Amino acid sequence: MAGGLCVVVPNALFALCLLRSFSKKKPMSAVMLPLGELLKIFVICVLFALTAKFYTELNWPAMIAGIFAGVFGQLIPFFIKH
């Protein structure tokens, strides 16, 4: 579960930031999108490192499974057709 949260939380915050910028009159600049994506990836890596450091009883297969579930769980809406 920790692996999934390390992925989902930064992605959700970045998505909220994008939604907020689209609702404004002045949209986000083209430079800010890749910079925000890089910042999101950096935060994910920092969260992984902090989880590995402070959670001593970490089950690595479960952590990797949580990462995959977090990443692929966000892709499910793209495959659902209405």
Protein backbone atom coordinates (compact mmCIF):
# COMPACT_ATOMS: atom_id res chain seq x y z
CA MET A 1 0.00 0.00 0.00
CA ALA A 2 2.90 2.36 0.70
CA GLY A 3 4.19 1.93 -2.84
CA GLY A 4 0.83 2.81 -4.31
CA LEU A 5 0.48 5.87 -2.10
CA CYS A 6 3.96 7.05 -3.09
CA VAL A 7 2.71 7.16 -6.69
CA VAL A 8 -0.92 8.18 -6.32
CA VAL A 9 -0.52 11.15 -3.96
CA PRO A 10 1.93 13.17 -6.13
CA ASN A 11 -0.06 12.31 -9.26
CA ALA A 12 -3.30 13.47 -7.65
CA LEU A 13 -1.72 16.72 -6.45
CA PHE A 14 -0.32 17.40 -9.92
CA ALA A 15 -3.71 16.68 -11.48
CA LEU A 16 -5.40 19.10 -9.07
CA CYS A 17 -2.81 21.74 -9.95
CA LEU A 18 -3.54 21.22 -13.66
CA LEU A 19 -7.29 21.41 -13.09
CA ARG A 20 -6.89 24.60 -11.12
CA SER A 21 -4.78 26.17 -13.88
CA PHE A 22 -7.37 25.23 -16.53
CA SER A 23 -10.14 26.88 -14.53
CA LYS A 24 -8.25 30.18 -14.44
CA LYS A 25 -8.40 32.72 -17.23
CA LYS A 26 -4.64 32.45 -17.70
CA PRO A 27 -3.65 28.82 -18.44
CA MET A 28 -0.38 27.22 -17.41
CA SER A 29 2.57 27.98 -19.68
CA ALA A 30 4.05 25.28 -21.88
CA VAL A 31 7.24 25.25 -19.82
CA MET A 32 5.46 24.57 -16.54
CA LEU A 33 3.94 21.26 -17.62
CA PRO A 34 7.27 19.41 -18.10
CA LEU A 35 8.72 21.10 -15.02
CA GLY A 36 5.72 19.98 -12.98
CA GLU A 37 6.10 16.46 -14.32
CA LEU A 38 9.79 16.42 -13.36
CA LEU A 39 8.94 17.73 -9.91
CA LYS A 40 6.29 15.02 -9.55
CA ILE A 41 8.80 12.30 -10.47
CA PHE A 42 11.32 13.75 -8.01
CA VAL A 43 8.71 13.74 -5.22
CA ILE A 44 7.81 10.13 -6.03
CA CYS A 45 11.48 9.12 -5.76
CA VAL A 46 11.87 10.99 -2.46
CA LEU A 47 8.75 9.30 -1.07
CA PHE A 48 10.12 5.88 -2.12
CA ALA A 49 13.42 6.62 -0.38
CA LEU A 50 11.70 7.86 2.78
CA THR A 51 9.45 4.82 2.84
CA ALA A 52 12.42 2.48 2.48
CA LYS A 53 14.37 4.32 5.17
CA PHE A 54 11.72 4.75 7.86
CA TYR A 55 9.58 1.67 7.29
CA THR A 56 12.01 -1.01 8.45
CA GLU A 57 9.58 -3.91 8.11
CA LEU A 58 9.05 -3.12 4.42
CA ASN A 59 7.95 -6.03 2.27
CA TRP A 60 9.60 -5.20 -1.07
CA PRO A 61 7.38 -7.42 -3.28
CA ALA A 62 4.33 -5.74 -1.76
CA MET A 63 5.93 -2.32 -2.30
CA ILE A 64 6.56 -3.09 -5.99
CA ALA A 65 3.03 -4.48 -6.34
CA GLY A 66 1.66 -1.28 -4.79
CA ILE A 67 3.65 0.79 -7.27
CA PHE A 68 2.25 -1.18 -10.21
CA ALA A 69 -1.28 -0.99 -8.81
CA GLY A 70 -0.96 2.76 -8.31
CA VAL A 71 0.37 3.37 -11.81
CA PHE A 72 -1.94 1.02 -13.68
CA GLY A 73 -4.94 1.97 -11.56
CA GLN A 74 -4.72 5.48 -12.92
CA LEU A 75 -4.78 4.15 -16.48
CA ILE A 76 -8.01 2.18 -16.07
CA PRO A 77 -10.31 5.09 -17.05
CA PHE A 78 -8.58 5.29 -20.44
CA PHE A 79 -9.57 1.71 -21.22
CA ILE A 80 -13.19 1.97 -20.10
CA LYS A 81 -15.48 2.78 -23.01
CA HIS A 82 -18.90 4.27 -22.43
